[in-house]
Amino acid sequence: MVFYRKYSKGSDIVAKVFYPKDSIFVPASCPPHPQNTEYKVSYGEEDWNGTFVSVFKVQMVYDGVVSGRRSPSFPIETDDYFKVHDTMLKLLEKYNK
């Protein structure tokens, strides 16, 4: 069974392949990111051609909506990368046993 989830405010519908089990939202620096921007740092299962693999994933969130087509960007003049990295380490410690 394929589940569909709308990832952006546009008209694109993308098959859902990532199923988060735990997520932590990290506020992004504003500016340079727009207001209400977050990094969603998650642990979960991802469908790799029918095989579910445990993964850690970072996604961009704008106004509460995951942007499925934007890779995370960490502006150099901010500490965003370090905040996301520290959050990833917390999830890694919790689930990598």
Protein backbone atom coordinates (compact mmCIF):
# COMPACT_ATOMS: atom_id res chain seq x y z
CA MET A 1 0.00 0.00 0.00
CA VAL A 2 1.35 3.45 -0.91
CA PHE A 3 0.57 6.41 1.32
CA TYR A 4 0.51 9.90 -0.10
CA ARG A 5 1.18 13.04 1.83
CA LYS A 6 1.23 16.59 0.61
CA TYR A 7 4.70 17.91 1.47
CA SER A 8 4.45 21.43 0.14
CA LYS A 9 1.82 24.07 -0.41
CA GLY A 10 2.10 23.49 -4.16
CA SER A 11 0.13 20.97 -6.14
CA ASP A 12 2.81 18.22 -6.06
CA ILE A 13 1.86 14.99 -4.32
CA VAL A 14 4.77 12.73 -3.39
CA ALA A 15 4.69 9.09 -2.26
CA LYS A 16 5.58 8.91 1.41
CA VAL A 17 8.71 6.84 1.97
CA PHE A 18 9.86 8.14 5.38
CA TYR A 19 8.03 7.27 8.59
CA PRO A 20 9.42 9.25 11.55
CA LYS A 21 9.31 7.64 14.99
CA ASP A 22 10.77 10.61 16.86
CA SER A 23 11.37 14.19 15.73
CA ILE A 24 12.85 17.30 17.27
CA PHE A 25 12.24 20.70 15.71
CA VAL A 26 15.17 23.14 15.76
CA PRO A 27 14.41 26.80 14.98
CA ALA A 28 16.39 28.15 12.03
CA SER A 29 18.13 31.51 12.23
CA CYS A 30 16.01 34.36 11.00
CA PRO A 31 17.35 36.12 9.09
CA PRO A 32 18.68 34.77 6.76
CA HIS A 33 15.95 32.08 6.74
CA PRO A 34 12.34 33.32 6.52
CA GLN A 35 10.32 33.58 9.72
CA ASN A 36 8.77 30.31 10.96
CA THR A 37 11.54 28.16 9.47
CA GLU A 38 12.69 25.05 11.33
CA TYR A 39 14.87 22.02 10.83
CA LYS A 40 13.03 18.76 11.53
CA VAL A 41 15.58 16.27 12.86
CA SER A 42 14.11 12.77 12.92
CA TYR A 43 14.76 9.12 13.56
CA GLY A 44 12.56 6.69 11.64
CA GLU A 45 12.14 4.11 8.93
CA GLU A 46 12.63 4.82 5.23
CA ASP A 47 11.45 2.62 2.38
CA TRP A 48 14.40 1.80 0.13
CA ASN A 49 12.75 -0.14 -2.70
CA GLY A 50 10.67 -2.30 -0.39
CA THR A 51 13.27 -2.65 2.38
CA PHE A 52 12.73 -0.53 5.47
CA VAL A 53 15.96 0.96 6.80
CA SER A 54 16.40 2.81 10.11
CA VAL A 55 17.69 6.30 9.31
CA PHE A 56 18.26 9.77 10.69
CA LYS A 57 16.88 12.54 8.51
CA VAL A 58 16.92 16.36 8.50
CA GLN A 59 14.14 18.19 6.66
CA MET A 60 13.32 21.86 6.20
CA VAL A 61 9.99 23.07 7.60
CA TYR A 62 8.37 26.33 6.50
CA ASP A 63 5.30 27.62 8.37
CA GLY A 64 4.74 24.15 9.84
CA VAL A 65 4.91 22.29 6.50
CA VAL A 66 7.75 19.91 5.60
CA SER A 67 9.34 20.92 2.32
CA GLY A 68 9.97 17.64 0.52
CA ARG A 69 11.99 19.24 -2.24
CA ARG A 70 14.46 21.38 -0.28
CA SER A 71 17.61 19.98 1.21
CA PRO A 72 18.67 21.46 4.54
CA SER A 73 20.84 24.57 4.24
CA PHE A 74 22.97 25.91 7.07
CA PRO A 75 23.99 29.57 6.64
CA ILE A 76 27.68 29.96 7.46
CA GLU A 77 27.22 33.04 9.65
CA THR A 78 24.86 31.19 12.03
CA ASP A 79 25.15 28.35 14.52
CA ASP A 80 22.31 26.43 12.82
CA TYR A 81 24.57 23.53 11.78
CA PHE A 82 25.85 23.06 15.33
CA LYS A 83 22.32 23.12 16.81
CA VAL A 84 21.15 20.50 14.30
CA HIS A 85 24.31 18.43 14.83
CA ASP A 86 23.82 18.44 18.63
CA THR A 87 20.18 17.41 18.15
CA MET A 88 21.23 14.57 15.84
CA LEU A 89 23.69 13.37 18.48
CA LYS A 90 20.88 13.28 21.07
CA LEU A 91 18.75 11.10 18.78
CA LEU A 92 21.76 8.93 17.90
CA GLU A 93 22.47 8.32 21.58
CA LYS A 94 18.81 7.47 22.22
CA TYR A 95 18.29 5.07 19.29
CA ASN A 96 21.68 3.69 18.21
CA LYS A 97 21.88 0.89 20.77
